Amino acid sequence: MTVTVIIDDATYNSKPGENLAALMLRNDLMPFRQNPADKTGRAPHCMMGICFECLVEVDGVPSTQACLVLVQDGMIVRRKLDD
């Protein structure tokens, strides 16, 4: 079985049970967000919900920790990057 996730308008495939941060790292989708103060790129550090470096928008919910979310078919994700 394959799970399809849309990240920044591109489609990625995953297996059920994979967490979102792992999917994004596997596909080299970094940074996940930018530091609001100095705009440096941030990416997962702890992979267990302590560091808050993996914040993304998931299905319209801002500031979601990607490392704590299991992928779901049709999930829509947006990284927090300034253009």
PDB file of N, CA and C in Angstrom:
ATOM      1  N   MET A   1       0.838  -1.184   0.000  1.00  0.00           N
ATOM      2  CA  MET A   1       0.000   0.000   0.000  1.00  0.00           C
ATOM      3  C   MET A   1       0.885   1.251   0.000  1.00  0.00           C
ATOM      4  N   THR A   2       0.457   2.255  -0.724  1.00  0.00           N
ATOM      5  CA  THR A   2       1.186   3.510  -0.807  1.00  0.00           C
ATOM      6  C   THR A   2       0.320   4.659  -0.303  1.00  0.00           C
ATOM      7  N   VAL A   3       0.936   5.545   0.443  1.00  0.00           N
ATOM      8  CA  VAL A   3       0.279   6.751   0.931  1.00  0.00           C
ATOM      9  C   VAL A   3       0.812   7.917   0.110  1.00  0.00           C
ATOM     10  N   THR A   4      -0.082   8.767  -0.399  1.00  0.00           N
ATOM     11  CA  THR A   4       0.322   9.932  -1.185  1.00  0.00           C
ATOM     12  C   THR A   4       0.171  11.186  -0.339  1.00  0.00           C
ATOM     13  N   VAL A   5       1.253  11.969  -0.270  1.00  0.00           N
ATOM     14  CA  VAL A   5       1.274  13.205   0.509  1.00  0.00           C
ATOM     15  C   VAL A   5       1.679  14.338  -0.429  1.00  0.00           C
ATOM     16  N   ILE A   6       1.010  15.472  -0.314  1.00  0.00           N
ATOM     17  CA  ILE A   6       1.343  16.642  -1.120  1.00  0.00           C
ATOM     18  C   ILE A   6       2.107  17.619  -0.236  1.00  0.00           C
ATOM     19  N   ILE A   7       3.342  17.923  -0.643  1.00  0.00           N
ATOM     20  CA  ILE A   7       4.191  18.840   0.109  1.00  0.00           C
ATOM     21  C   ILE A   7       4.594  19.971  -0.816  1.00  0.00           C
ATOM     22  N   ASP A   8       4.185  21.181  -0.475  1.00  0.00           N
ATOM     23  CA  ASP A   8       4.481  22.362  -1.300  1.00  0.00           C
ATOM     24  C   ASP A   8       4.099  22.120  -2.761  1.00  0.00           C
ATOM     25  N   ASP A   9       2.905  21.592  -2.966  1.00  0.00           N
ATOM     26  CA  ASP A   9       2.309  21.367  -4.288  1.00  0.00           C
ATOM     27  C   ASP A   9       2.973  20.256  -5.105  1.00  0.00           C
ATOM     28  N   ALA A  10       3.842  19.476  -4.520  1.00  0.00           N
ATOM     29  CA  ALA A  10       4.440  18.319  -5.197  1.00  0.00           C
ATOM     30  C   ALA A  10       3.987  17.045  -4.479  1.00  0.00           C
ATOM     31  N   THR A  11       3.877  15.959  -5.218  1.00  0.00           N
ATOM     32  CA  THR A  11       3.372  14.701  -4.668  1.00  0.00           C
ATOM     33  C   THR A  11       4.518  13.762  -4.301  1.00  0.00           C
ATOM     34  N   TYR A  12       4.413  13.161  -3.111  1.00  0.00           N
ATOM     35  CA  TYR A  12       5.412  12.221  -2.617  1.00  0.00           C
ATOM     36  C   TYR A  12       4.700  10.970  -2.127  1.00  0.00           C
ATOM     37  N   ASN A  13       5.355   9.821  -2.311  1.00  0.00           N
ATOM     38  CA  ASN A  13       4.791   8.558  -1.864  1.00  0.00           C
ATOM     39  C   ASN A  13       5.507   8.073  -0.625  1.00  0.00           C
ATOM     40  N   SER A  14       4.750   7.434   0.232  1.00  0.00           N
ATOM     41  CA  SER A  14       5.276   6.922   1.483  1.00  0.00           C
ATOM     42  C   SER A  14       4.593   5.593   1.791  1.00  0.00           C
ATOM     43  N   LYS A  15       5.085   4.931   2.803  1.00  0.00           N
ATOM     44  CA  LYS A  15       4.438   3.728   3.306  1.00  0.00           C
ATOM     45  C   LYS A  15       3.666   4.102   4.569  1.00  0.00           C
ATOM     46  N   PRO A  16       2.540   3.448   4.808  1.00  0.00           N
ATOM     47  CA  PRO A  16       1.794   3.725   6.043  1.00  0.00           C
ATOM     48  C   PRO A  16       2.695   3.523   7.266  1.00  0.00           C
ATOM     49  N   GLY A  17       2.550   4.396   8.246  1.00  0.00           N
ATOM     50  CA  GLY A  17       3.324   4.288   9.473  1.00  0.00           C
ATOM     51  C   GLY A  17       4.578   5.140   9.505  1.00  0.00           C
ATOM     52  N   GLU A  18       4.978   5.705   8.363  1.00  0.00           N
ATOM     53  CA  GLU A  18       6.155   6.580   8.337  1.00  0.00           C
ATOM     54  C   GLU A  18       5.765   7.939   8.899  1.00  0.00           C
ATOM     55  N   ASN A  19       6.660   8.556   9.661  1.00  0.00           N
ATOM     56  CA  ASN A  19       6.316   9.898  10.132  1.00  0.00           C
ATOM     57  C   ASN A  19       6.668  10.917   9.054  1.00  0.00           C
ATOM     58  N   LEU A  20       5.991  12.047   9.121  1.00  0.00           N
ATOM     59  CA  LEU A  20       6.120  13.073   8.092  1.00  0.00           C
ATOM     60  C   LEU A  20       7.544  13.609   7.986  1.00  0.00           C
ATOM     61  N   ALA A  21       8.205  13.829   9.102  1.00  0.00           N
ATOM     62  CA  ALA A  21       9.578  14.349   9.065  1.00  0.00           C
ATOM     63  C   ALA A  21      10.504  13.377   8.335  1.00  0.00           C
ATOM     64  N   ALA A  22      10.350  12.077   8.558  1.00  0.00           N
ATOM     65  CA  ALA A  22      11.183  11.084   7.877  1.00  0.00           C
ATOM     66  C   ALA A  22      10.942  11.125   6.370  1.00  0.00           C
ATOM     67  N   LEU A  23       9.697  11.241   5.961  1.00  0.00           N
ATOM     68  CA  LEU A  23       9.374  11.353   4.531  1.00  0.00           C
ATOM     69  C   LEU A  23      10.047  12.588   3.927  1.00  0.00           C
ATOM     70  N   MET A  24       9.958  13.708   4.621  1.00  0.00           N
ATOM     71  CA  MET A  24      10.544  14.945   4.108  1.00  0.00           C
ATOM     72  C   MET A  24      12.068  14.867   4.066  1.00  0.00           C
ATOM     73  N   LEU A  25      12.693  14.290   5.070  1.00  0.00           N
ATOM     74  CA  LEU A  25      14.149  14.139   5.069  1.00  0.00           C
ATOM     75  C   LEU A  25      14.593  13.197   3.952  1.00  0.00           C
ATOM     76  N   ARG A  26      13.870  12.102   3.774  1.00  0.00           N
ATOM     77  CA  ARG A  26      14.204  11.125   2.734  1.00  0.00           C
ATOM     78  C   ARG A  26      14.159  11.745   1.345  1.00  0.00           C
ATOM     79  N   ASN A  27      13.295  12.737   1.170  1.00  0.00           N
ATOM     80  CA  ASN A  27      13.157  13.416  -0.123  1.00  0.00           C
ATOM     81  C   ASN A  27      13.909  14.740  -0.180  1.00  0.00           C
ATOM     82  N   ASP A  28      14.804  14.966   0.775  1.00  0.00           N
ATOM     83  CA  ASP A  28      15.663  16.155   0.824  1.00  0.00           C
ATOM     84  C   ASP A  28      14.876  17.464   0.789  1.00  0.00           C
ATOM     85  N   LEU A  29      13.758  17.502   1.521  1.00  0.00           N
ATOM     86  CA  LEU A  29      12.923  18.704   1.587  1.00  0.00           C
ATOM     87  C   LEU A  29      13.332  19.536   2.805  1.00  0.00           C
ATOM     88  N   MET A  30      14.463  20.176   2.657  1.00  0.00           N
ATOM     89  CA  MET A  30      14.955  21.010   3.743  1.00  0.00           C
ATOM     90  C   MET A  30      15.283  22.384   3.191  1.00  0.00           C
ATOM     91  N   PRO A  31      15.170  23.412   3.993  1.00  0.00           N
ATOM     92  CA  PRO A  31      14.765  23.377   5.388  1.00  0.00           C
ATOM     93  C   PRO A  31      13.251  23.177   5.526  1.00  0.00           C
ATOM     94  N   PHE A  32      12.826  22.828   6.718  1.00  0.00           N
ATOM     95  CA  PHE A  32      11.396  22.679   7.008  1.00  0.00           C
ATOM     96  C   PHE A  32      10.763  24.041   7.263  1.00  0.00           C
ATOM     97  N   ARG A  33      11.528  24.921   7.881  1.00  0.00           N
ATOM     98  CA  ARG A  33      11.031  26.254   8.226  1.00  0.00           C
ATOM     99  C   ARG A  33      12.209  27.204   8.302  1.00  0.00           C
ATOM    100  N   GLN A  34      11.912  28.484   8.487  1.00  0.00           N
ATOM    101  CA  GLN A  34      12.950  29.486   8.695  1.00  0.00           C
ATOM    102  C   GLN A  34      12.793  30.089  10.082  1.00  0.00           C
ATOM    103  N   ASN A  35      13.912  30.375  10.701  1.00  0.00           N
ATOM    104  CA  ASN A  35      13.902  31.083  11.970  1.00  0.00           C
ATOM    105  C   ASN A  35      13.324  32.467  11.709  1.00  0.00           C
ATOM    106  N   PRO A  36      12.289  32.866  12.454  1.00  0.00           N
ATOM    107  CA  PRO A  36      11.668  34.167  12.185  1.00  0.00           C
ATOM    108  C   PRO A  36      12.589  35.366  12.431  1.00  0.00           C
ATOM    109  N   ALA A  37      13.577  35.221  13.280  1.00  0.00           N
ATOM    110  CA  ALA A  37      14.457  36.349  13.594  1.00  0.00           C
ATOM    111  C   ALA A  37      15.527  36.574  12.535  1.00  0.00           C
ATOM    112  N   ASP A  38      16.239  35.508  12.158  1.00  0.00           N
ATOM    113  CA  ASP A  38      17.367  35.709  11.237  1.00  0.00           C
ATOM    114  C   ASP A  38      17.213  34.971   9.903  1.00  0.00           C
ATOM    115  N   LYS A  39      16.071  34.304   9.712  1.00  0.00           N
ATOM    116  CA  LYS A  39      15.730  33.628   8.441  1.00  0.00           C
ATOM    117  C   LYS A  39      16.623  32.428   8.111  1.00  0.00           C
ATOM    118  N   THR A  40      17.377  31.924   9.092  1.00  0.00           N
ATOM    119  CA  THR A  40      18.173  30.728   8.833  1.00  0.00           C
ATOM    120  C   THR A  40      17.264  29.514   8.707  1.00  0.00           C
ATOM    121  N   GLY A  41      17.670  28.572   7.866  1.00  0.00           N
ATOM    122  CA  GLY A  41      16.889  27.361   7.660  1.00  0.00           C
ATOM    123  C   GLY A  41      16.984  26.427   8.856  1.00  0.00           C
ATOM    124  N   ARG A  42      15.860  25.796   9.174  1.00  0.00           N
ATOM    125  CA  ARG A  42      15.789  24.878  10.310  1.00  0.00           C
ATOM    126  C   ARG A  42      15.279  23.528   9.820  1.00  0.00           C
ATOM    127  N   ALA A  43      15.716  22.458  10.471  1.00  0.00           N
ATOM    128  CA  ALA A  43      15.310  21.103  10.119  1.00  0.00           C
ATOM    129  C   ALA A  43      15.263  20.266  11.405  1.00  0.00           C
ATOM    130  N   PRO A  44      14.661  19.091  11.341  1.00  0.00           N
ATOM    131  CA  PRO A  44      14.540  18.258  12.548  1.00  0.00           C
ATOM    132  C   PRO A  44      15.890  17.989  13.203  1.00  0.00           C
ATOM    133  N   HIS A  45      15.855  17.968  14.511  1.00  0.00           N
ATOM    134  CA  HIS A  45      17.065  17.688  15.281  1.00  0.00           C
ATOM    135  C   HIS A  45      16.853  16.448  16.139  1.00  0.00           C
ATOM    136  N   CYS A  46      15.784  16.417  16.903  1.00  0.00           N
ATOM    137  CA  CYS A  46      15.605  15.343  17.879  1.00  0.00           C
ATOM    138  C   CYS A  46      14.745  14.178  17.373  1.00  0.00           C
ATOM    139  N   MET A  47      13.825  14.454  16.456  1.00  0.00           N
ATOM    140  CA  MET A  47      12.895  13.456  15.910  1.00  0.00           C
ATOM    141  C   MET A  47      12.012  12.818  16.986  1.00  0.00           C
ATOM    142  N   MET A  48      11.799  13.528  18.099  1.00  0.00           N
ATOM    143  CA  MET A  48      10.906  12.998  19.133  1.00  0.00           C
ATOM    144  C   MET A  48      10.059  14.073  19.804  1.00  0.00           C
ATOM    145  N   GLY A  49       9.955  15.245  19.160  1.00  0.00           N
ATOM    146  CA  GLY A  49       9.029  16.259  19.631  1.00  0.00           C
ATOM    147  C   GLY A  49       9.527  17.214  20.680  1.00  0.00           C
ATOM    148  N   ILE A  50      10.814  17.245  20.930  1.00  0.00           N
ATOM    149  CA  ILE A  50      11.339  18.131  21.968  1.00  0.00           C
ATOM    150  C   ILE A  50      11.854  19.452  21.400  1.00  0.00           C
ATOM    151  N   CYS A  51      12.484  19.425  20.223  1.00  0.00           N
ATOM    152  CA  CYS A  51      13.201  20.610  19.739  1.00  0.00           C
ATOM    153  C   CYS A  51      12.333  21.614  18.957  1.00  0.00           C
ATOM    154  N   PHE A  52      11.217  21.210  18.412  1.00  0.00           N
ATOM    155  CA  PHE A  52      10.306  22.081  17.647  1.00  0.00           C
ATOM    156  C   PHE A  52      10.944  22.681  16.393  1.00  0.00           C
ATOM    157  N   GLU A  53      11.975  22.052  15.851  1.00  0.00           N
ATOM    158  CA  GLU A  53      12.610  22.549  14.635  1.00  0.00           C
ATOM    159  C   GLU A  53      11.911  22.074  13.370  1.00  0.00           C
ATOM    160  N   CYS A  54      10.991  21.133  13.486  1.00  0.00           N
ATOM    161  CA  CYS A  54      10.339  20.528  12.322  1.00  0.00           C
ATOM    162  C   CYS A  54       8.922  21.054  12.079  1.00  0.00           C
ATOM    163  N   LEU A  55       8.646  22.263  12.526  1.00  0.00           N
ATOM    164  CA  LEU A  55       7.297  22.804  12.398  1.00  0.00           C
ATOM    165  C   LEU A  55       6.921  23.055  10.940  1.00  0.00           C
ATOM    166  N   VAL A  56       5.761  22.545  10.549  1.00  0.00           N
ATOM    167  CA  VAL A  56       5.196  22.735   9.218  1.00  0.00           C
ATOM    168  C   VAL A  56       3.686  22.911   9.359  1.00  0.00           C
ATOM    169  N   GLU A  57       3.033  23.282   8.282  1.00  0.00           N
ATOM    170  CA  GLU A  57       1.571  23.355   8.260  1.00  0.00           C
ATOM    171  C   GLU A  57       1.055  22.038   7.683  1.00  0.00           C
ATOM    172  N   VAL A  58       0.152  21.389   8.401  1.00  0.00           N
ATOM    173  CA  VAL A  58      -0.428  20.120   7.951  1.00  0.00           C
ATOM    174  C   VAL A  58      -1.941  20.265   7.861  1.00  0.00           C
ATOM    175  N   ASP A  59      -2.460  20.085   6.664  1.00  0.00           N
ATOM    176  CA  ASP A  59      -3.906  20.199   6.424  1.00  0.00           C
ATOM    177  C   ASP A  59      -4.493  21.478   7.018  1.00  0.00           C
ATOM    178  N   GLY A  60      -3.749  22.582   6.855  1.00  0.00           N
ATOM    179  CA  GLY A  60      -4.219  23.883   7.313  1.00  0.00           C
ATOM    180  C   GLY A  60      -3.923  24.201   8.763  1.00  0.00           C
ATOM    181  N   VAL A  61      -3.349  23.274   9.500  1.00  0.00           N
ATOM    182  CA  VAL A  61      -3.016  23.494  10.912  1.00  0.00           C
ATOM    183  C   VAL A  61      -1.558  23.944  10.996  1.00  0.00           C
ATOM    184  N   PRO A  62      -1.332  25.205  11.399  1.00  0.00           N
ATOM    185  CA  PRO A  62       0.044  25.718  11.460  1.00  0.00           C
ATOM    186  C   PRO A  62       0.819  25.140  12.638  1.00  0.00           C
ATOM    187  N   SER A  63       2.140  25.250  12.562  1.00  0.00           N
ATOM    188  CA  SER A  63       3.039  24.878  13.658  1.00  0.00           C
ATOM    189  C   SER A  63       2.828  23.447  14.146  1.00  0.00           C
ATOM    190  N   THR A  64       2.731  22.523  13.211  1.00  0.00           N
ATOM    191  CA  THR A  64       2.587  21.104  13.527  1.00  0.00           C
ATOM    192  C   THR A  64       3.968  20.461  13.496  1.00  0.00           C
ATOM    193  N   GLN A  65       4.283  19.676  14.505  1.00  0.00           N
ATOM    194  CA  GLN A  65       5.573  18.997  14.568  1.00  0.00           C
ATOM    195  C   GLN A  65       5.554  17.791  13.623  1.00  0.00           C
ATOM    196  N   ALA A  66       6.311  17.882  12.542  1.00  0.00           N
ATOM    197  CA  ALA A  66       6.315  16.835  11.521  1.00  0.00           C
ATOM    198  C   ALA A  66       6.803  15.495  12.063  1.00  0.00           C
ATOM    199  N   CYS A  67       7.666  15.519  13.051  1.00  0.00           N
ATOM    200  CA  CYS A  67       8.202  14.265  13.593  1.00  0.00           C
ATOM    201  C   CYS A  67       7.165  13.478  14.387  1.00  0.00           C
ATOM    202  N   LEU A  68       6.092  14.128  14.791  1.00  0.00           N
ATOM    203  CA  LEU A  68       5.061  13.466  15.599  1.00  0.00           C
ATOM    204  C   LEU A  68       3.818  13.084  14.792  1.00  0.00           C
ATOM    205  N   VAL A  69       3.835  13.351  13.484  1.00  0.00           N
ATOM    206  CA  VAL A  69       2.664  13.103  12.635  1.00  0.00           C
ATOM    207  C   VAL A  69       2.942  11.925  11.712  1.00  0.00           C
ATOM    208  N   LEU A  70       2.066  10.943  11.727  1.00  0.00           N
ATOM    209  CA  LEU A  70       2.166   9.847  10.769  1.00  0.00           C
ATOM    210  C   LEU A  70       1.505  10.274   9.469  1.00  0.00           C
ATOM    211  N   VAL A  71       2.126   9.910   8.351  1.00  0.00           N
ATOM    212  CA  VAL A  71       1.572  10.295   7.051  1.00  0.00           C
ATOM    213  C   VAL A  71       0.191   9.682   6.857  1.00  0.00           C
ATOM    214  N   GLN A  72      -0.666  10.434   6.170  1.00  0.00           N
ATOM    215  CA  GLN A  72      -2.008   9.964   5.821  1.00  0.00           C
ATOM    216  C   GLN A  72      -2.240  10.288   4.360  1.00  0.00           C
ATOM    217  N   ASP A  73      -2.957   9.417   3.683  1.00  0.00           N
ATOM    218  CA  ASP A  73      -3.220   9.608   2.270  1.00  0.00           C
ATOM    219  C   ASP A  73      -3.947  10.930   2.037  1.00  0.00           C
ATOM    220  N   GLY A  74      -3.436  11.725   1.122  1.00  0.00           N
ATOM    221  CA  GLY A  74      -4.049  13.003   0.786  1.00  0.00           C
ATOM    222  C   GLY A  74      -3.644  14.165   1.671  1.00  0.00           C
ATOM    223  N   MET A  75      -2.771  13.933   2.621  1.00  0.00           N
ATOM    224  CA  MET A  75      -2.304  14.988   3.524  1.00  0.00           C
ATOM    225  C   MET A  75      -1.656  16.107   2.706  1.00  0.00           C
ATOM    226  N   ILE A  76      -1.950  17.355   3.083  1.00  0.00           N
ATOM    227  CA  ILE A  76      -1.370  18.518   2.405  1.00  0.00           C
ATOM    228  C   ILE A  76      -0.470  19.249   3.397  1.00  0.00           C
ATOM    229  N   VAL A  77       0.785  19.410   3.007  1.00  0.00           N
ATOM    230  CA  VAL A  77       1.809  19.975   3.888  1.00  0.00           C
ATOM    231  C   VAL A  77       2.437  21.187   3.219  1.00  0.00           C
ATOM    232  N   ARG A  78       2.705  22.202   4.020  1.00  0.00           N
ATOM    233  CA  ARG A  78       3.412  23.387   3.524  1.00  0.00           C
ATOM    234  C   ARG A  78       4.546  23.689   4.510  1.00  0.00           C
ATOM    235  N   ARG A  79       5.737  23.856   3.939  1.00  0.00           N
ATOM    236  CA  ARG A  79       6.862  24.280   4.772  1.00  0.00           C
ATOM    237  C   ARG A  79       6.711  25.766   5.080  1.00  0.00           C
ATOM    238  N   LYS A  80       7.302  26.211   6.171  1.00  0.00           N
ATOM    239  CA  LYS A  80       7.211  27.606   6.606  1.00  0.00           C
ATOM    240  C   LYS A  80       8.424  28.379   6.118  1.00  0.00           C
ATOM    241  N   LEU A  81       8.390  28.723   4.832  1.00  0.00           N
ATOM    242  CA  LEU A  81       9.515  29.424   4.222  1.00  0.00           C
ATOM    243  C   LEU A  81       9.040  30.754   3.664  1.00  0.00           C
ATOM    244  N   ASP A  82       9.852  31.791   3.836  1.00  0.00           N
ATOM    245  CA  ASP A  82       9.543  33.078   3.218  1.00  0.00           C
ATOM    246  C   ASP A  82       9.996  33.035   1.772  1.00  0.00           C
ATOM    247  N   ASP A  83       9.237  33.654   0.922  1.00  0.00           N
ATOM    248  CA  ASP A  83       9.612  33.684  -0.496  1.00  0.00           C
ATOM    249  C   ASP A  83      10.592  34.795  -0.780  1.00  0.00           C
TER     250      ASP A  83
END
